[in-house]
N, C-alpha and C. Protein backbone atom coordinates (compact mmCIF):
# COMPACT_ATOMS: atom_id res chain seq x y z
N MET A 1 -23.59 -9.67 -3.75
CA MET A 1 -22.19 -9.33 -3.86
C MET A 1 -21.55 -9.17 -2.49
N MET A 2 -22.25 -8.53 -1.57
CA MET A 2 -21.69 -8.30 -0.24
C MET A 2 -21.51 -9.62 0.52
N ARG A 3 -22.44 -10.53 0.35
CA ARG A 3 -22.29 -11.83 1.01
C ARG A 3 -21.10 -12.59 0.43
N SER A 4 -20.91 -12.45 -0.85
CA SER A 4 -19.76 -13.09 -1.50
C SER A 4 -18.45 -12.50 -0.99
N LEU A 5 -18.41 -11.18 -0.84
CA LEU A 5 -17.21 -10.54 -0.28
C LEU A 5 -16.99 -10.97 1.17
N ASN A 6 -18.07 -11.13 1.90
CA ASN A 6 -17.97 -11.60 3.28
C ASN A 6 -17.33 -12.99 3.31
N ARG A 7 -17.79 -13.87 2.44
CA ARG A 7 -17.19 -15.21 2.38
C ARG A 7 -15.72 -15.14 1.99
N CYS A 8 -15.42 -14.28 1.03
CA CYS A 8 -14.02 -14.14 0.59
C CYS A 8 -13.13 -13.64 1.71
N SER A 9 -13.64 -12.76 2.53
CA SER A 9 -12.82 -12.20 3.61
C SER A 9 -12.49 -13.24 4.67
N LYS A 10 -13.14 -14.38 4.62
CA LYS A 10 -12.88 -15.44 5.59
C LYS A 10 -12.02 -16.55 5.00
N ARG A 11 -11.40 -16.26 3.85
CA ARG A 11 -10.53 -17.24 3.20
C ARG A 11 -9.08 -16.79 3.24
N ARG A 12 -8.23 -17.69 3.62
CA ARG A 12 -6.80 -17.39 3.75
C ARG A 12 -6.19 -16.98 2.41
N ALA A 13 -6.60 -17.62 1.33
CA ALA A 13 -6.01 -17.33 0.02
C ALA A 13 -6.23 -15.87 -0.39
N VAL A 14 -7.34 -15.30 -0.04
CA VAL A 14 -7.63 -13.91 -0.39
C VAL A 14 -6.69 -12.98 0.35
N TRP A 15 -6.47 -13.23 1.63
CA TRP A 15 -5.57 -12.39 2.42
C TRP A 15 -4.12 -12.54 1.93
N LEU A 16 -3.74 -13.77 1.55
CA LEU A 16 -2.40 -13.97 1.02
C LEU A 16 -2.24 -13.30 -0.34
N ALA A 17 -3.30 -13.27 -1.13
CA ALA A 17 -3.26 -12.57 -2.42
C ALA A 17 -3.06 -11.06 -2.20
N LEU A 18 -3.69 -10.52 -1.17
CA LEU A 18 -3.49 -9.11 -0.83
C LEU A 18 -2.02 -8.86 -0.50
N ALA A 19 -1.45 -9.70 0.35
CA ALA A 19 -0.04 -9.55 0.71
C ALA A 19 0.86 -9.72 -0.52
N LEU A 20 0.51 -10.63 -1.39
CA LEU A 20 1.32 -10.88 -2.58
C LEU A 20 1.30 -9.70 -3.56
N THR A 21 0.16 -9.05 -3.71
CA THR A 21 0.11 -7.89 -4.61
C THR A 21 0.97 -6.75 -4.07
N ALA A 22 0.92 -6.52 -2.77
CA ALA A 22 1.75 -5.47 -2.18
C ALA A 22 3.23 -5.84 -2.30
N PHE A 23 3.55 -7.11 -2.11
CA PHE A 23 4.93 -7.57 -2.25
C PHE A 23 5.41 -7.39 -3.69
N ALA A 24 4.57 -7.68 -4.66
CA ALA A 24 4.93 -7.49 -6.07
C ALA A 24 5.22 -6.02 -6.38
N LEU A 25 4.40 -5.12 -5.83
CA LEU A 25 4.64 -3.70 -6.02
C LEU A 25 5.95 -3.26 -5.36
N GLU A 26 6.27 -3.84 -4.22
CA GLU A 26 7.55 -3.54 -3.57
C GLU A 26 8.72 -4.01 -4.44
N LEU A 27 8.58 -5.18 -5.05
CA LEU A 27 9.64 -5.67 -5.93
C LEU A 27 9.81 -4.76 -7.15
N VAL A 28 8.71 -4.26 -7.69
CA VAL A 28 8.79 -3.33 -8.81
C VAL A 28 9.53 -2.06 -8.38
N ALA A 29 9.21 -1.55 -7.20
CA ALA A 29 9.88 -0.34 -6.70
C ALA A 29 11.38 -0.58 -6.53
N LEU A 30 11.74 -1.74 -6.03
CA LEU A 30 13.16 -2.05 -5.86
C LEU A 30 13.87 -2.22 -7.20
N CYS A 31 13.16 -2.76 -8.19
CA CYS A 31 13.72 -2.84 -9.55
C CYS A 31 13.95 -1.45 -10.12
N PHE A 32 12.97 -0.56 -9.93
CA PHE A 32 13.15 0.82 -10.38
C PHE A 32 14.38 1.44 -9.73
N GLN A 33 14.56 1.18 -8.44
CA GLN A 33 15.65 1.80 -7.70
C GLN A 33 17.01 1.19 -8.04
N HIS A 34 17.11 -0.12 -8.05
CA HIS A 34 18.43 -0.75 -8.15
C HIS A 34 18.80 -1.22 -9.55
N ILE A 35 17.83 -1.47 -10.41
CA ILE A 35 18.14 -1.91 -11.77
C ILE A 35 18.06 -0.75 -12.75
N MET A 36 16.98 0.04 -12.65
CA MET A 36 16.83 1.18 -13.55
C MET A 36 17.51 2.43 -13.00
N LEU A 37 18.03 2.34 -11.78
CA LEU A 37 18.78 3.41 -11.11
C LEU A 37 18.00 4.70 -10.94
N LEU A 38 16.70 4.58 -10.68
CA LEU A 38 15.89 5.75 -10.34
C LEU A 38 16.08 6.04 -8.85
N LYS A 39 16.18 7.29 -8.51
CA LYS A 39 16.45 7.68 -7.13
C LYS A 39 15.15 7.94 -6.39
N PRO A 40 14.87 7.17 -5.33
CA PRO A 40 13.63 7.40 -4.58
C PRO A 40 13.75 8.61 -3.66
N CYS A 41 12.66 9.36 -3.58
CA CYS A 41 12.61 10.49 -2.65
C CYS A 41 11.98 10.04 -1.34
N VAL A 42 11.86 10.95 -0.43
CA VAL A 42 11.29 10.63 0.88
C VAL A 42 9.85 10.14 0.75
N LEU A 43 9.06 10.80 -0.08
CA LEU A 43 7.67 10.38 -0.24
C LEU A 43 7.56 9.00 -0.90
N CYS A 44 8.50 8.67 -1.78
CA CYS A 44 8.53 7.32 -2.37
C CYS A 44 8.72 6.27 -1.27
N ILE A 45 9.65 6.54 -0.39
CA ILE A 45 9.94 5.59 0.69
C ILE A 45 8.75 5.48 1.64
N TYR A 46 8.11 6.60 1.94
CA TYR A 46 6.93 6.55 2.80
C TYR A 46 5.79 5.76 2.14
N GLN A 47 5.64 5.90 0.82
CA GLN A 47 4.62 5.11 0.12
C GLN A 47 4.97 3.63 0.17
N ARG A 48 6.25 3.32 0.09
CA ARG A 48 6.67 1.92 0.24
C ARG A 48 6.28 1.40 1.62
N CYS A 49 6.45 2.23 2.63
CA CYS A 49 6.06 1.82 3.98
C CYS A 49 4.56 1.54 4.06
N ALA A 50 3.76 2.35 3.34
CA ALA A 50 2.32 2.10 3.30
C ALA A 50 2.04 0.76 2.62
N LEU A 51 2.80 0.44 1.58
CA LEU A 51 2.64 -0.86 0.92
C LEU A 51 3.06 -1.99 1.85
N TYR A 52 4.10 -1.77 2.65
CA TYR A 52 4.48 -2.78 3.64
C TYR A 52 3.36 -2.97 4.66
N GLY A 53 2.66 -1.89 4.98
CA GLY A 53 1.51 -2.01 5.88
C GLY A 53 0.41 -2.86 5.26
N ILE A 54 0.16 -2.67 3.98
CA ILE A 54 -0.85 -3.49 3.29
C ILE A 54 -0.39 -4.94 3.25
N MET A 55 0.89 -5.15 3.00
CA MET A 55 1.42 -6.51 3.01
C MET A 55 1.24 -7.14 4.39
N ALA A 56 1.54 -6.39 5.43
CA ALA A 56 1.38 -6.89 6.80
C ALA A 56 -0.08 -7.19 7.10
N SER A 57 -0.98 -6.34 6.61
CA SER A 57 -2.41 -6.59 6.86
C SER A 57 -2.85 -7.90 6.21
N GLY A 58 -2.32 -8.20 5.04
CA GLY A 58 -2.63 -9.47 4.39
C GLY A 58 -2.13 -10.65 5.19
N LEU A 59 -0.95 -10.51 5.76
CA LEU A 59 -0.40 -11.60 6.57
C LEU A 59 -1.16 -11.76 7.88
N VAL A 60 -1.54 -10.64 8.50
CA VAL A 60 -2.33 -10.71 9.74
C VAL A 60 -3.69 -11.36 9.46
N GLY A 61 -4.33 -10.93 8.38
CA GLY A 61 -5.63 -11.52 8.04
C GLY A 61 -5.53 -12.99 7.68
N ALA A 62 -4.40 -13.40 7.13
CA ALA A 62 -4.23 -14.80 6.73
C ALA A 62 -3.98 -15.74 7.91
N ILE A 63 -3.60 -15.20 9.05
CA ILE A 63 -3.33 -16.05 10.21
C ILE A 63 -4.56 -16.85 10.58
N SER A 64 -5.68 -16.19 10.71
CA SER A 64 -6.93 -16.87 11.06
C SER A 64 -8.09 -16.06 10.50
N PRO A 65 -8.34 -16.18 9.19
CA PRO A 65 -9.32 -15.30 8.55
C PRO A 65 -10.77 -15.51 8.97
N ALA A 66 -11.09 -16.64 9.51
CA ALA A 66 -12.48 -16.88 9.90
C ALA A 66 -12.79 -16.37 11.30
N THR A 67 -11.80 -15.82 11.97
CA THR A 67 -11.99 -15.30 13.32
C THR A 67 -11.97 -13.77 13.28
N PRO A 68 -12.28 -13.14 14.40
CA PRO A 68 -12.23 -11.67 14.43
C PRO A 68 -10.84 -11.08 14.19
N LEU A 69 -9.79 -11.90 14.12
CA LEU A 69 -8.46 -11.39 13.82
C LEU A 69 -8.42 -10.72 12.44
N ARG A 70 -9.31 -11.13 11.54
CA ARG A 70 -9.34 -10.49 10.22
C ARG A 70 -9.68 -9.00 10.34
N PHE A 71 -10.38 -8.60 11.41
CA PHE A 71 -10.68 -7.18 11.61
C PHE A 71 -9.41 -6.38 11.90
N ALA A 72 -8.46 -6.98 12.60
CA ALA A 72 -7.17 -6.32 12.82
C ALA A 72 -6.47 -6.12 11.48
N GLY A 73 -6.48 -7.15 10.65
CA GLY A 73 -5.90 -7.02 9.32
C GLY A 73 -6.62 -5.98 8.49
N LEU A 74 -7.92 -5.92 8.62
CA LEU A 74 -8.72 -4.94 7.87
C LEU A 74 -8.43 -3.52 8.33
N ILE A 75 -8.25 -3.31 9.62
CA ILE A 75 -7.92 -1.97 10.13
C ILE A 75 -6.55 -1.53 9.62
N ILE A 76 -5.57 -2.44 9.67
CA ILE A 76 -4.23 -2.11 9.16
C ILE A 76 -4.32 -1.80 7.67
N TRP A 77 -5.10 -2.56 6.95
CA TRP A 77 -5.28 -2.38 5.50
C TRP A 77 -5.89 -1.01 5.20
N LEU A 78 -6.97 -0.69 5.89
CA LEU A 78 -7.62 0.61 5.67
C LEU A 78 -6.68 1.77 5.98
N TYR A 79 -5.99 1.70 7.10
CA TYR A 79 -5.08 2.79 7.48
C TYR A 79 -3.94 2.92 6.47
N SER A 80 -3.34 1.81 6.09
CA SER A 80 -2.21 1.85 5.17
C SER A 80 -2.62 2.36 3.80
N ALA A 81 -3.78 1.92 3.31
CA ALA A 81 -4.25 2.39 2.00
C ALA A 81 -4.58 3.88 2.04
N TRP A 82 -5.20 4.32 3.12
CA TRP A 82 -5.54 5.74 3.27
C TRP A 82 -4.26 6.58 3.35
N LYS A 83 -3.34 6.17 4.17
CA LYS A 83 -2.09 6.91 4.34
C LYS A 83 -1.30 6.93 3.03
N GLY A 84 -1.25 5.79 2.35
CA GLY A 84 -0.56 5.73 1.06
C GLY A 84 -1.20 6.64 0.03
N LEU A 85 -2.52 6.69 0.02
CA LEU A 85 -3.23 7.58 -0.91
C LEU A 85 -2.91 9.04 -0.61
N MET A 86 -2.90 9.41 0.65
CA MET A 86 -2.58 10.79 1.01
C MET A 86 -1.14 11.15 0.59
N LEU A 87 -0.21 10.23 0.79
CA LEU A 87 1.17 10.47 0.39
C LEU A 87 1.31 10.60 -1.12
N ALA A 88 0.63 9.73 -1.86
CA ALA A 88 0.69 9.78 -3.32
C ALA A 88 0.07 11.06 -3.85
N MET A 89 -1.01 11.52 -3.21
CA MET A 89 -1.63 12.78 -3.63
C MET A 89 -0.71 13.96 -3.32
N GLN A 90 -0.05 13.93 -2.17
CA GLN A 90 0.90 14.98 -1.82
C GLN A 90 2.05 15.01 -2.83
N TYR A 91 2.56 13.85 -3.18
CA TYR A 91 3.66 13.75 -4.13
C TYR A 91 3.24 14.28 -5.50
N THR A 92 2.05 13.91 -5.95
CA THR A 92 1.55 14.39 -7.24
C THR A 92 1.37 15.90 -7.21
N ASP A 93 0.86 16.43 -6.11
CA ASP A 93 0.68 17.87 -5.99
C ASP A 93 2.02 18.60 -6.07
N ILE A 94 3.04 18.05 -5.44
CA ILE A 94 4.37 18.66 -5.49
C ILE A 94 4.89 18.67 -6.92
N GLN A 95 4.65 17.58 -7.66
CA GLN A 95 5.14 17.52 -9.03
C GLN A 95 4.33 18.40 -9.98
N LEU A 96 3.03 18.51 -9.75
CA LEU A 96 2.20 19.32 -10.64
C LEU A 96 2.37 20.81 -10.38
N HIS A 97 2.65 21.19 -9.14
CA HIS A 97 2.78 22.59 -8.77
C HIS A 97 4.13 22.81 -8.08
N PRO A 98 5.23 22.74 -8.83
CA PRO A 98 6.54 22.90 -8.19
C PRO A 98 6.71 24.29 -7.60
N SER A 99 7.33 24.32 -6.43
CA SER A 99 7.56 25.57 -5.73
C SER A 99 8.78 25.40 -4.84
N LEU A 100 9.47 26.49 -4.62
CA LEU A 100 10.60 26.43 -3.70
C LEU A 100 10.15 26.30 -2.26
N LEU A 101 8.91 26.70 -2.00
CA LEU A 101 8.40 26.65 -0.63
C LEU A 101 7.77 25.31 -0.28
N VAL A 102 7.26 24.60 -1.29
CA VAL A 102 6.59 23.32 -1.05
C VAL A 102 7.41 22.22 -1.70
N THR A 103 8.00 21.39 -0.88
CA THR A 103 8.77 20.25 -1.36
C THR A 103 8.70 19.15 -0.31
N CYS A 104 9.20 17.99 -0.68
CA CYS A 104 9.22 16.93 0.33
C CYS A 104 10.45 17.12 1.22
N ASP A 105 10.49 16.39 2.30
CA ASP A 105 11.61 16.50 3.23
C ASP A 105 12.91 16.09 2.54
N PHE A 106 14.02 16.59 3.05
CA PHE A 106 15.32 16.24 2.49
C PHE A 106 15.85 14.93 3.05
N CYS A 107 15.46 14.63 4.28
CA CYS A 107 15.89 13.35 4.85
C CYS A 107 14.69 12.67 5.48
N ILE A 108 14.77 11.37 5.47
CA ILE A 108 13.66 10.57 5.97
C ILE A 108 13.66 10.60 7.49
N SER A 109 12.50 10.55 8.10
CA SER A 109 12.43 10.61 9.56
C SER A 109 11.59 9.45 10.09
N PHE A 110 12.27 8.34 10.32
CA PHE A 110 11.63 7.21 10.98
C PHE A 110 11.76 7.41 12.48
N PRO A 111 10.90 6.77 13.25
CA PRO A 111 11.03 6.88 14.71
C PRO A 111 12.39 6.35 15.18
N THR A 112 12.87 6.87 16.29
CA THR A 112 14.18 6.44 16.79
C THR A 112 14.19 4.95 17.14
N TRP A 113 13.03 4.42 17.51
CA TRP A 113 12.96 3.00 17.87
C TRP A 113 12.82 2.10 16.63
N LEU A 114 12.69 2.70 15.43
CA LEU A 114 12.54 1.92 14.20
C LEU A 114 13.29 2.62 13.05
N PRO A 115 14.62 2.69 13.14
CA PRO A 115 15.39 3.39 12.10
C PRO A 115 15.59 2.50 10.86
N LEU A 116 14.54 2.32 10.09
CA LEU A 116 14.60 1.43 8.93
C LEU A 116 15.67 1.85 7.93
N ASP A 117 15.89 3.13 7.78
CA ASP A 117 16.92 3.59 6.84
C ASP A 117 18.32 3.19 7.30
N LYS A 118 18.52 2.99 8.58
CA LYS A 118 19.82 2.54 9.11
C LYS A 118 19.92 1.01 9.06
N TRP A 119 18.82 0.32 9.35
CA TRP A 119 18.82 -1.13 9.38
C TRP A 119 18.86 -1.73 7.97
N MET A 120 18.10 -1.14 7.05
CA MET A 120 18.02 -1.66 5.68
C MET A 120 18.17 -0.53 4.66
N PRO A 121 19.38 -0.02 4.51
CA PRO A 121 19.57 1.14 3.63
C PRO A 121 19.31 0.83 2.16
N LEU A 122 19.45 -0.40 1.73
CA LEU A 122 19.18 -0.73 0.32
C LEU A 122 17.70 -0.57 -0.03
N ILE A 123 16.86 -0.65 0.97
CA ILE A 123 15.42 -0.54 0.74
C ILE A 123 14.90 0.84 1.12
N PHE A 124 15.38 1.40 2.23
CA PHE A 124 14.78 2.60 2.78
C PHE A 124 15.63 3.87 2.70
N SER A 125 16.75 3.82 1.99
CA SER A 125 17.55 5.05 1.88
C SER A 125 17.00 5.93 0.76
N THR A 126 17.14 7.23 0.94
CA THR A 126 16.64 8.18 -0.05
C THR A 126 17.79 9.04 -0.57
N ASN A 127 17.72 9.34 -1.85
CA ASN A 127 18.67 10.26 -2.44
C ASN A 127 18.07 10.98 -3.64
N GLY A 128 16.76 10.93 -3.75
CA GLY A 128 16.08 11.58 -4.86
C GLY A 128 15.37 12.85 -4.43
N ASP A 129 14.85 13.55 -5.41
CA ASP A 129 14.13 14.79 -5.18
C ASP A 129 12.70 14.62 -5.69
N CYS A 130 11.74 15.04 -4.91
CA CYS A 130 10.33 14.88 -5.28
C CYS A 130 9.94 15.64 -6.55
N ILE A 131 10.60 16.72 -6.81
CA ILE A 131 10.22 17.57 -7.94
C ILE A 131 10.66 16.97 -9.27
N VAL A 132 11.71 16.14 -9.23
CA VAL A 132 12.24 15.57 -10.46
C VAL A 132 11.26 14.55 -11.04
N HIS A 133 10.92 14.72 -12.30
CA HIS A 133 10.05 13.77 -13.00
C HIS A 133 10.96 12.69 -13.59
N GLN A 134 10.89 11.48 -13.01
CA GLN A 134 11.85 10.46 -13.39
C GLN A 134 11.38 9.50 -14.46
N ARG A 135 10.17 8.99 -14.36
CA ARG A 135 9.76 7.91 -15.23
C ARG A 135 8.27 7.99 -15.51
N ARG A 136 7.90 7.72 -16.76
CA ARG A 136 6.50 7.64 -17.17
C ARG A 136 6.19 6.24 -17.65
N PHE A 137 4.97 5.81 -17.39
CA PHE A 137 4.48 4.54 -17.90
C PHE A 137 3.06 4.77 -18.38
N LEU A 138 2.80 4.50 -19.64
CA LEU A 138 1.49 4.75 -20.26
C LEU A 138 1.03 6.18 -19.99
N SER A 139 1.91 7.11 -20.21
CA SER A 139 1.69 8.56 -20.13
C SER A 139 1.43 9.10 -18.72
N MET A 140 1.61 8.29 -17.70
CA MET A 140 1.46 8.77 -16.32
C MET A 140 2.73 8.49 -15.53
N GLU A 141 3.02 9.40 -14.62
CA GLU A 141 4.19 9.21 -13.77
C GLU A 141 3.84 8.35 -12.57
N MET A 142 4.87 7.86 -11.91
CA MET A 142 4.68 6.91 -10.81
C MET A 142 3.76 7.41 -9.69
N PRO A 143 3.87 8.67 -9.26
CA PRO A 143 2.96 9.10 -8.18
C PRO A 143 1.49 9.00 -8.57
N ARG A 144 1.18 9.27 -9.82
CA ARG A 144 -0.23 9.15 -10.25
C ARG A 144 -0.66 7.69 -10.31
N TRP A 145 0.24 6.81 -10.73
CA TRP A 145 -0.09 5.39 -10.69
C TRP A 145 -0.34 4.95 -9.26
N MET A 146 0.46 5.47 -8.34
CA MET A 146 0.28 5.08 -6.94
C MET A 146 -1.05 5.58 -6.39
N ILE A 147 -1.52 6.72 -6.87
CA ILE A 147 -2.86 7.18 -6.47
C ILE A 147 -3.89 6.14 -6.88
N LEU A 148 -3.83 5.68 -8.12
CA LEU A 148 -4.79 4.68 -8.59
C LEU A 148 -4.67 3.37 -7.81
N ILE A 149 -3.44 2.97 -7.53
CA ILE A 149 -3.23 1.72 -6.79
C ILE A 149 -3.78 1.83 -5.38
N PHE A 150 -3.49 2.93 -4.69
CA PHE A 150 -3.99 3.08 -3.32
C PHE A 150 -5.50 3.27 -3.30
N ILE A 151 -6.09 3.91 -4.32
CA ILE A 151 -7.55 4.01 -4.40
C ILE A 151 -8.15 2.61 -4.53
N ALA A 152 -7.55 1.79 -5.37
CA ALA A 152 -8.06 0.42 -5.54
C ALA A 152 -7.98 -0.35 -4.23
N TYR A 153 -6.85 -0.25 -3.54
CA TYR A 153 -6.73 -0.92 -2.25
C TYR A 153 -7.75 -0.39 -1.25
N LEU A 154 -7.95 0.92 -1.23
CA LEU A 154 -8.87 1.52 -0.27
C LEU A 154 -10.33 1.15 -0.56
N VAL A 155 -10.72 1.21 -1.82
CA VAL A 155 -12.10 0.84 -2.19
C VAL A 155 -12.36 -0.62 -1.84
N LEU A 156 -11.42 -1.48 -2.16
CA LEU A 156 -11.60 -2.90 -1.84
C LEU A 156 -11.69 -3.12 -0.33
N ALA A 157 -10.86 -2.43 0.43
CA ALA A 157 -10.92 -2.56 1.89
C ALA A 157 -12.25 -2.07 2.44
N ILE A 158 -12.76 -0.97 1.90
CA ILE A 158 -14.06 -0.45 2.36
C ILE A 158 -15.17 -1.43 2.02
N LEU A 159 -15.12 -2.00 0.82
CA LEU A 159 -16.14 -3.00 0.44
C LEU A 159 -16.08 -4.23 1.34
N ILE A 160 -14.87 -4.68 1.65
CA ILE A 160 -14.73 -5.82 2.56
C ILE A 160 -15.26 -5.47 3.94
N LEU A 161 -14.97 -4.25 4.41
CA LEU A 161 -15.48 -3.83 5.71
C LEU A 161 -17.00 -3.80 5.72
N LEU A 162 -17.60 -3.22 4.70
CA LEU A 162 -19.05 -3.16 4.62
C LEU A 162 -19.67 -4.55 4.50
N SER A 163 -18.98 -5.45 3.84
CA SER A 163 -19.52 -6.80 3.66
C SER A 163 -19.61 -7.56 4.98
N GLN A 164 -18.88 -7.12 5.99
CA GLN A 164 -18.94 -7.80 7.28
C GLN A 164 -20.30 -7.65 7.95
N PHE A 165 -21.11 -6.70 7.48
CA PHE A 165 -22.46 -6.51 8.01
C PHE A 165 -23.50 -7.34 7.27
N PHE A 166 -23.04 -8.14 6.29
CA PHE A 166 -23.91 -9.02 5.52
C PHE A 166 -23.43 -10.45 5.74
N PRO A 167 -23.95 -11.10 6.78
CA PRO A 167 -23.45 -12.45 7.09
C PRO A 167 -23.72 -13.41 5.94
N SER A 168 -22.76 -14.30 5.74
CA SER A 168 -22.93 -15.29 4.68
C SER A 168 -23.94 -16.34 5.12
N ARG A 169 -24.58 -16.93 4.13
CA ARG A 169 -25.57 -17.97 4.44
C ARG A 169 -24.87 -19.22 4.93
N LYS A 170 -25.64 -20.04 5.65
CA LYS A 170 -25.06 -21.26 6.20
C LYS A 170 -24.64 -22.21 5.08
N ARG A 171 -25.52 -22.46 4.12
CA ARG A 171 -25.22 -23.39 3.05
C ARG A 171 -25.43 -22.67 1.72
N ASP A 172 -24.42 -22.68 0.93
CA ASP A 172 -24.55 -22.13 -0.40
C ASP A 172 -23.69 -22.96 -1.35
N PHE A 173 -23.67 -22.59 -2.57
CA PHE A 173 -22.98 -23.35 -3.61
C PHE A 173 -21.48 -23.46 -3.32
N PHE A 174 -20.88 -22.40 -2.81
CA PHE A 174 -19.43 -22.38 -2.61
C PHE A 174 -18.99 -23.17 -1.38
N SER A 175 -19.86 -23.43 -0.46
CA SER A 175 -19.46 -24.13 0.75
C SER A 175 -19.68 -25.64 0.67
N LEU A 176 -20.11 -26.13 -0.48
CA LEU A 176 -20.33 -27.57 -0.61
C LEU A 176 -19.03 -28.33 -0.69
């Protein structure tokens, strides 16, 4: 299995599929925001940024997947999935244990050199509250779904990383 994952990590289509899944999740989030009129909170926007990181990692890995450049994509992927998981867990904790003392920020804080909320307000503007339970799908709210999604991304990234220590064979059925 690890050798198979190693071979997969050296294929452009796999890295593009990673970017495509993150892009699809971004489109779903934008549909929730602009079509269903759900208001994103600060943590929602930060989770979107983590998904953009995963999308970027897929594009970086797709540039030249058979070279060590895929390790740069893998590092971005691991960091973005980990950060997204932490944000989704924080968001879920806020919703499960509402408190006046523990809430998400009221305004988003991007670095001054990258004011995404000013450059692209349709994507990165916030006007929601973390405590408000907005939407359920299959009996779970969005932050819990995002925990599962980021866990899946993180586990897959860890498996791909570990597979790099299992070099693929020179000749096998798939390389014919």
